[in-house]
Amino acid sequence: MTHKNTLLFATSPKGKEKYRIFDPTLNKFIMKNNDWKDRLNVVYSTNPDFKYENDVEEEAETLPKNQQKLRVSMEKKGRGGKTVTLIRGFVGTEDDLKELGKLLKTKCGVGGSAKDEEIIIQGDFKQRIIDLLKQEGYTQTK
């Protein structure tokens, strides 16, 4: 008796769906997890042994302070009329970016955020931030 394309589904007590599929090479059924997170962004695959591989980008190493080409600018657009100071051009890890953002926020005494390779400082602190960056050793700051 051949179970060529037999596929049986079952749900575990924790709610995770599993399925049984017949493997003709082993001539028996095999239990597989059916977790949707493993198949995120995969539309369709006929291969029962398909494993989705995430393309994880490696973070770049943080450049020395004197090699960082930071650009400080002001922006109002899309921010409800509020003025923010943007620092762009940081090359390095996310942790180092957040550390620099925290330093600038505490020195200026305001809020902000550090994500997506830019630091956002609330308010008009362009010249003060340029001076602070130069004190910290970031020589190529404009």
N, C-alpha and C. Protein backbone atom coordinates (compact mmCIF):
# COMPACT_ATOMS: atom_id res chain seq x y z
N MET A 1 0.84 -1.18 0.00
CA MET A 1 0.00 0.00 0.00
C MET A 1 0.89 1.24 0.00
N THR A 2 0.63 2.19 -0.90
CA THR A 2 1.44 3.38 -1.04
C THR A 2 0.69 4.58 -0.51
N HIS A 3 1.36 5.38 0.33
CA HIS A 3 0.80 6.62 0.87
C HIS A 3 1.51 7.79 0.22
N LYS A 4 1.38 7.89 -1.07
CA LYS A 4 2.19 8.84 -1.83
C LYS A 4 2.04 10.30 -1.37
N ASN A 5 0.84 10.78 -1.28
CA ASN A 5 0.62 12.19 -0.94
C ASN A 5 -0.28 12.34 0.28
N THR A 6 -0.09 11.53 1.28
CA THR A 6 -0.93 11.58 2.46
C THR A 6 -0.43 12.66 3.41
N LEU A 7 -1.37 13.48 3.87
CA LEU A 7 -1.03 14.57 4.76
C LEU A 7 -2.11 14.65 5.84
N LEU A 8 -1.74 14.50 7.11
CA LEU A 8 -2.69 14.52 8.20
C LEU A 8 -2.32 15.64 9.16
N PHE A 9 -3.32 16.41 9.65
CA PHE A 9 -3.08 17.52 10.57
C PHE A 9 -3.54 17.15 11.98
N ALA A 10 -2.85 17.68 12.97
CA ALA A 10 -3.23 17.49 14.37
C ALA A 10 -2.85 18.75 15.12
N THR A 11 -3.58 19.05 16.20
CA THR A 11 -3.27 20.22 17.01
C THR A 11 -2.82 19.76 18.39
N SER A 12 -1.73 20.31 18.87
CA SER A 12 -1.20 19.94 20.18
C SER A 12 -2.00 20.67 21.26
N PRO A 13 -1.88 20.24 22.52
CA PRO A 13 -2.61 20.92 23.61
C PRO A 13 -2.26 22.39 23.76
N LYS A 14 -1.05 22.79 23.38
CA LYS A 14 -0.66 24.20 23.48
C LYS A 14 -1.16 25.02 22.31
N GLY A 15 -1.84 24.41 21.36
CA GLY A 15 -2.41 25.13 20.23
C GLY A 15 -1.51 25.18 19.02
N LYS A 16 -0.31 24.63 19.12
CA LYS A 16 0.58 24.61 17.96
C LYS A 16 0.15 23.49 17.03
N GLU A 17 -0.05 23.84 15.79
CA GLU A 17 -0.50 22.86 14.83
C GLU A 17 0.69 22.05 14.32
N LYS A 18 0.52 20.76 14.26
CA LYS A 18 1.53 19.87 13.70
C LYS A 18 0.88 19.07 12.59
N TYR A 19 1.69 18.57 11.70
CA TYR A 19 1.13 17.73 10.67
C TYR A 19 2.01 16.51 10.46
N ARG A 20 1.35 15.46 10.01
CA ARG A 20 2.05 14.23 9.69
C ARG A 20 2.12 14.11 8.19
N ILE A 21 3.29 13.78 7.71
CA ILE A 21 3.45 13.60 6.27
C ILE A 21 4.17 12.28 6.04
N PHE A 22 3.75 11.57 5.01
CA PHE A 22 4.35 10.28 4.71
C PHE A 22 5.64 10.47 3.94
N ASP A 23 6.73 9.86 4.43
CA ASP A 23 8.02 9.90 3.77
C ASP A 23 8.25 8.56 3.08
N PRO A 24 8.18 8.55 1.74
CA PRO A 24 8.32 7.26 1.04
C PRO A 24 9.71 6.64 1.18
N THR A 25 10.74 7.44 1.41
CA THR A 25 12.08 6.87 1.55
C THR A 25 12.21 6.08 2.85
N LEU A 26 11.54 6.56 3.91
CA LEU A 26 11.57 5.84 5.19
C LEU A 26 10.39 4.89 5.33
N ASN A 27 9.40 5.05 4.47
CA ASN A 27 8.18 4.26 4.46
C ASN A 27 7.42 4.39 5.78
N LYS A 28 7.35 5.64 6.31
CA LYS A 28 6.58 5.90 7.52
C LYS A 28 6.19 7.37 7.59
N PHE A 29 5.26 7.66 8.51
CA PHE A 29 4.82 9.03 8.70
C PHE A 29 5.79 9.77 9.62
N ILE A 30 5.97 11.08 9.36
CA ILE A 30 6.86 11.93 10.15
C ILE A 30 6.05 13.12 10.64
N MET A 31 6.22 13.47 11.94
CA MET A 31 5.54 14.65 12.50
C MET A 31 6.39 15.88 12.24
N LYS A 32 5.76 16.96 11.79
CA LYS A 32 6.46 18.23 11.53
C LYS A 32 5.68 19.35 12.21
N ASN A 33 6.41 20.37 12.68
CA ASN A 33 5.76 21.56 13.23
C ASN A 33 5.22 22.40 12.08
N ASN A 34 4.12 23.07 12.33
CA ASN A 34 3.53 23.94 11.32
C ASN A 34 3.45 25.35 11.90
N ASP A 35 4.59 25.88 12.33
CA ASP A 35 4.63 27.20 12.92
C ASP A 35 4.73 28.25 11.81
N TRP A 36 3.79 29.19 11.76
CA TRP A 36 3.76 30.18 10.68
C TRP A 36 4.96 31.11 10.71
N LYS A 37 5.58 31.29 11.88
CA LYS A 37 6.74 32.19 11.97
C LYS A 37 7.93 31.63 11.21
N ASP A 38 8.01 30.31 11.11
CA ASP A 38 9.09 29.70 10.34
C ASP A 38 8.92 29.93 8.84
N ARG A 39 7.69 30.22 8.44
CA ARG A 39 7.40 30.37 7.01
C ARG A 39 7.00 31.78 6.64
N LEU A 40 7.37 32.75 7.43
CA LEU A 40 7.00 34.13 7.17
C LEU A 40 7.56 34.59 5.82
N ASN A 41 6.74 35.22 5.01
CA ASN A 41 7.06 35.72 3.68
C ASN A 41 7.27 34.62 2.64
N VAL A 42 6.98 33.37 2.95
CA VAL A 42 7.03 32.30 1.97
C VAL A 42 5.60 32.10 1.50
N VAL A 43 5.37 32.29 0.22
CA VAL A 43 4.02 32.22 -0.30
C VAL A 43 3.59 30.78 -0.53
N TYR A 44 4.42 29.99 -1.19
CA TYR A 44 4.04 28.64 -1.51
C TYR A 44 5.28 27.80 -1.75
N SER A 45 5.28 26.61 -1.22
CA SER A 45 6.37 25.68 -1.47
C SER A 45 5.81 24.28 -1.52
N THR A 46 6.22 23.51 -2.50
CA THR A 46 5.76 22.12 -2.61
C THR A 46 6.70 21.17 -1.89
N ASN A 47 7.84 21.66 -1.45
CA ASN A 47 8.82 20.84 -0.76
C ASN A 47 8.43 20.71 0.72
N PRO A 48 8.11 19.50 1.22
CA PRO A 48 7.71 19.36 2.62
C PRO A 48 8.86 19.61 3.60
N ASP A 49 10.10 19.53 3.15
CA ASP A 49 11.25 19.74 4.02
C ASP A 49 11.82 21.15 3.89
N PHE A 50 11.08 22.06 3.26
CA PHE A 50 11.57 23.41 3.02
C PHE A 50 11.73 24.15 4.34
N LYS A 51 12.88 24.75 4.56
CA LYS A 51 13.15 25.58 5.73
C LYS A 51 13.44 26.99 5.25
N TYR A 52 12.68 27.94 5.74
CA TYR A 52 12.88 29.33 5.36
C TYR A 52 14.11 29.86 6.05
N GLU A 53 15.02 30.47 5.29
CA GLU A 53 16.24 31.03 5.84
C GLU A 53 16.12 32.55 5.88
N ASN A 54 16.30 33.12 7.04
CA ASN A 54 16.25 34.57 7.18
C ASN A 54 17.53 35.19 6.66
N ASP A 55 17.40 36.25 5.89
CA ASP A 55 18.55 36.99 5.42
C ASP A 55 18.86 38.08 6.45
N VAL A 56 19.67 37.74 7.43
CA VAL A 56 20.00 38.67 8.50
C VAL A 56 21.23 39.45 8.10
N GLU A 57 21.08 40.77 8.11
CA GLU A 57 22.20 41.64 7.78
C GLU A 57 23.08 41.79 9.01
N GLU A 58 24.38 41.68 8.79
CA GLU A 58 25.30 41.88 9.89
C GLU A 58 25.52 43.38 10.09
N GLU A 59 25.59 43.77 11.35
CA GLU A 59 25.83 45.17 11.64
C GLU A 59 27.28 45.52 11.34
N ALA A 60 27.46 46.68 10.78
CA ALA A 60 28.81 47.13 10.46
C ALA A 60 29.54 47.48 11.75
N GLU A 61 30.85 47.29 11.73
CA GLU A 61 31.65 47.69 12.89
C GLU A 61 31.63 49.21 13.00
N THR A 62 31.70 49.68 14.22
CA THR A 62 31.69 51.12 14.46
C THR A 62 33.03 51.71 14.05
N LEU A 63 32.96 52.72 13.19
CA LEU A 63 34.17 53.41 12.77
C LEU A 63 34.71 54.24 13.93
N PRO A 64 36.02 54.52 13.94
CA PRO A 64 36.56 55.42 14.97
C PRO A 64 35.91 56.80 14.87
N LYS A 65 35.91 57.52 15.97
CA LYS A 65 35.23 58.82 16.03
C LYS A 65 35.77 59.80 15.00
N ASN A 66 37.07 59.79 14.75
CA ASN A 66 37.63 60.77 13.81
C ASN A 66 37.33 60.41 12.35
N GLN A 67 36.81 59.21 12.08
CA GLN A 67 36.46 58.82 10.70
C GLN A 67 34.96 58.92 10.42
N GLN A 68 34.16 59.16 11.45
CA GLN A 68 32.71 59.28 11.27
C GLN A 68 32.40 60.60 10.56
N LYS A 69 31.59 60.51 9.50
CA LYS A 69 31.17 61.71 8.77
C LYS A 69 29.71 62.00 9.14
N LEU A 70 29.55 62.70 10.24
CA LEU A 70 28.21 63.00 10.75
C LEU A 70 27.70 64.30 10.17
N ARG A 71 26.42 64.32 9.81
CA ARG A 71 25.76 65.51 9.25
C ARG A 71 24.65 65.91 10.20
N VAL A 72 24.70 67.16 10.68
CA VAL A 72 23.71 67.68 11.61
C VAL A 72 22.81 68.63 10.83
N SER A 73 21.49 68.41 10.92
CA SER A 73 20.55 69.26 10.19
C SER A 73 19.30 69.49 11.04
N MET A 74 18.50 70.46 10.60
CA MET A 74 17.24 70.79 11.26
C MET A 74 16.09 70.34 10.37
N GLU A 75 14.98 69.98 10.99
CA GLU A 75 13.82 69.55 10.21
C GLU A 75 12.54 69.88 10.95
N LYS A 76 11.51 70.31 10.18
CA LYS A 76 10.18 70.59 10.73
C LYS A 76 9.11 69.78 10.03
N LYS A 77 9.38 69.36 8.78
CA LYS A 77 8.36 68.69 7.98
C LYS A 77 7.91 67.38 8.60
N GLY A 78 6.61 67.17 8.59
CA GLY A 78 6.04 65.92 9.04
C GLY A 78 6.16 65.69 10.54
N ARG A 79 6.40 66.73 11.29
CA ARG A 79 6.59 66.57 12.73
C ARG A 79 5.64 67.49 13.51
N GLY A 80 4.53 67.83 12.90
CA GLY A 80 3.52 68.64 13.57
C GLY A 80 4.00 70.04 13.90
N GLY A 81 4.91 70.59 13.09
CA GLY A 81 5.41 71.93 13.31
C GLY A 81 6.52 72.02 14.34
N LYS A 82 6.87 70.91 14.97
CA LYS A 82 7.94 70.90 15.96
C LYS A 82 9.29 70.82 15.26
N THR A 83 10.26 71.51 15.80
CA THR A 83 11.61 71.50 15.25
C THR A 83 12.42 70.39 15.90
N VAL A 84 13.14 69.62 15.07
CA VAL A 84 14.04 68.59 15.59
C VAL A 84 15.40 68.75 14.93
N THR A 85 16.42 68.29 15.62
CA THR A 85 17.77 68.28 15.08
C THR A 85 18.12 66.84 14.74
N LEU A 86 18.54 66.61 13.50
CA LEU A 86 18.86 65.26 13.03
C LEU A 86 20.37 65.10 12.89
N ILE A 87 20.87 63.96 13.33
CA ILE A 87 22.28 63.61 13.14
C ILE A 87 22.29 62.35 12.28
N ARG A 88 22.81 62.46 11.08
CA ARG A 88 22.84 61.33 10.13
C ARG A 88 24.28 60.99 9.77
N GLY A 89 24.45 59.80 9.21
CA GLY A 89 25.77 59.39 8.71
C GLY A 89 26.57 58.55 9.69
N PHE A 90 25.97 58.12 10.79
CA PHE A 90 26.69 57.30 11.75
C PHE A 90 26.86 55.90 11.19
N VAL A 91 28.10 55.40 11.20
CA VAL A 91 28.39 54.04 10.73
C VAL A 91 28.82 53.22 11.94
N GLY A 92 28.01 52.24 12.30
CA GLY A 92 28.35 51.40 13.44
C GLY A 92 27.17 50.59 13.93
N THR A 93 27.35 49.99 15.09
CA THR A 93 26.32 49.14 15.65
C THR A 93 25.18 49.98 16.23
N GLU A 94 24.04 49.34 16.39
CA GLU A 94 22.86 50.01 16.93
C GLU A 94 23.10 50.45 18.37
N ASP A 95 23.84 49.66 19.13
CA ASP A 95 24.12 50.01 20.52
C ASP A 95 24.98 51.27 20.63
N ASP A 96 25.98 51.38 19.75
CA ASP A 96 26.82 52.58 19.77
C ASP A 96 26.03 53.81 19.34
N LEU A 97 25.11 53.64 18.40
CA LEU A 97 24.26 54.75 17.97
C LEU A 97 23.38 55.22 19.13
N LYS A 98 22.79 54.27 19.85
CA LYS A 98 21.94 54.63 20.99
C LYS A 98 22.75 55.28 22.11
N GLU A 99 23.98 54.81 22.30
CA GLU A 99 24.84 55.40 23.33
C GLU A 99 25.17 56.86 23.00
N LEU A 100 25.49 57.13 21.73
CA LEU A 100 25.76 58.50 21.31
C LEU A 100 24.51 59.36 21.43
N GLY A 101 23.35 58.81 21.06
CA GLY A 101 22.09 59.53 21.19
C GLY A 101 21.78 59.87 22.64
N LYS A 102 22.04 58.93 23.53
CA LYS A 102 21.79 59.18 24.96
C LYS A 102 22.71 60.29 25.48
N LEU A 103 23.97 60.26 25.05
CA LEU A 103 24.91 61.29 25.47
C LEU A 103 24.44 62.68 25.02
N LEU A 104 24.03 62.79 23.75
CA LEU A 104 23.58 64.08 23.23
C LEU A 104 22.30 64.55 23.91
N LYS A 105 21.38 63.63 24.17
CA LYS A 105 20.13 64.01 24.83
C LYS A 105 20.38 64.51 26.24
N THR A 106 21.28 63.85 26.98
CA THR A 106 21.54 64.29 28.35
C THR A 106 22.29 65.62 28.38
N LYS A 107 23.24 65.82 27.44
CA LYS A 107 23.99 67.09 27.40
C LYS A 107 23.09 68.25 27.02
N CYS A 108 22.09 67.99 26.17
CA CYS A 108 21.17 69.06 25.76
C CYS A 108 19.97 69.18 26.71
N GLY A 109 19.73 68.16 27.50
CA GLY A 109 18.62 68.19 28.45
C GLY A 109 17.26 68.07 27.80
N VAL A 110 17.18 67.32 26.70
CA VAL A 110 15.92 67.15 25.98
C VAL A 110 15.72 65.68 25.64
N GLY A 111 14.60 65.39 25.00
CA GLY A 111 14.29 64.03 24.57
C GLY A 111 14.69 63.80 23.14
N GLY A 112 14.46 62.60 22.69
CA GLY A 112 14.77 62.24 21.31
C GLY A 112 14.83 60.74 21.17
N SER A 113 15.35 60.29 20.04
CA SER A 113 15.48 58.86 19.81
C SER A 113 16.67 58.59 18.91
N ALA A 114 17.10 57.35 18.90
CA ALA A 114 18.22 56.93 18.06
C ALA A 114 17.84 55.60 17.41
N LYS A 115 17.51 55.65 16.12
CA LYS A 115 17.15 54.43 15.40
C LYS A 115 17.28 54.69 13.90
N ASP A 116 17.30 53.63 13.14
CA ASP A 116 17.40 53.69 11.68
C ASP A 116 18.58 54.55 11.22
N GLU A 117 19.71 54.37 11.87
CA GLU A 117 20.96 55.05 11.51
C GLU A 117 20.88 56.57 11.60
N GLU A 118 20.00 57.10 12.44
CA GLU A 118 19.95 58.54 12.67
C GLU A 118 19.53 58.81 14.11
N ILE A 119 19.97 59.96 14.59
CA ILE A 119 19.63 60.39 15.95
C ILE A 119 18.74 61.61 15.83
N ILE A 120 17.62 61.59 16.54
CA ILE A 120 16.67 62.70 16.53
C ILE A 120 16.69 63.34 17.90
N ILE A 121 17.00 64.63 17.94
CA ILE A 121 17.00 65.41 19.18
C ILE A 121 15.89 66.45 19.08
N GLN A 122 15.02 66.50 20.08
CA GLN A 122 13.91 67.44 20.04
C GLN A 122 14.41 68.86 20.30
N GLY A 123 14.06 69.76 19.37
CA GLY A 123 14.42 71.16 19.55
C GLY A 123 15.53 71.61 18.61
N ASP A 124 15.82 72.90 18.68
CA ASP A 124 16.82 73.54 17.82
C ASP A 124 18.16 73.59 18.56
N PHE A 125 18.97 72.54 18.40
CA PHE A 125 20.25 72.43 19.08
C PHE A 125 21.39 72.17 18.10
N LYS A 126 21.26 72.67 16.87
CA LYS A 126 22.23 72.35 15.83
C LYS A 126 23.66 72.73 16.22
N GLN A 127 23.88 73.98 16.58
CA GLN A 127 25.25 74.43 16.89
C GLN A 127 25.77 73.78 18.16
N ARG A 128 24.91 73.62 19.14
CA ARG A 128 25.33 72.98 20.40
C ARG A 128 25.75 71.53 20.16
N ILE A 129 25.02 70.81 19.33
CA ILE A 129 25.34 69.42 19.03
C ILE A 129 26.65 69.33 18.25
N ILE A 130 26.86 70.23 17.31
CA ILE A 130 28.13 70.24 16.56
C ILE A 130 29.29 70.44 17.52
N ASP A 131 29.15 71.37 18.47
CA ASP A 131 30.20 71.62 19.46
C ASP A 131 30.42 70.39 20.35
N LEU A 132 29.33 69.76 20.79
CA LEU A 132 29.45 68.57 21.63
C LEU A 132 30.13 67.42 20.89
N LEU A 133 29.78 67.23 19.61
CA LEU A 133 30.40 66.15 18.82
C LEU A 133 31.89 66.40 18.63
N LYS A 134 32.26 67.65 18.41
CA LYS A 134 33.68 67.96 18.26
C LYS A 134 34.44 67.74 19.57
N GLN A 135 33.81 68.05 20.70
CA GLN A 135 34.44 67.79 22.00
C GLN A 135 34.65 66.30 22.23
N GLU A 136 33.72 65.48 21.73
CA GLU A 136 33.81 64.03 21.89
C GLU A 136 34.81 63.38 20.94
N GLY A 137 35.30 64.12 19.94
CA GLY A 137 36.29 63.57 19.03
C GLY A 137 35.79 63.29 17.62
N TYR A 138 34.54 63.66 17.33
CA TYR A 138 34.00 63.50 15.97
C TYR A 138 34.44 64.72 15.16
N THR A 139 35.55 64.59 14.43
CA THR A 139 36.16 65.74 13.78
C THR A 139 35.49 66.10 12.45
N GLN A 140 34.90 65.15 11.76
CA GLN A 140 34.31 65.41 10.44
C GLN A 140 32.81 65.68 10.56
N THR A 141 32.45 66.64 11.33
CA THR A 141 31.05 66.98 11.57
C THR A 141 30.69 68.26 10.85
N LYS A 142 29.57 68.25 10.14
CA LYS A 142 29.08 69.44 9.44
C LYS A 142 27.66 69.72 9.87
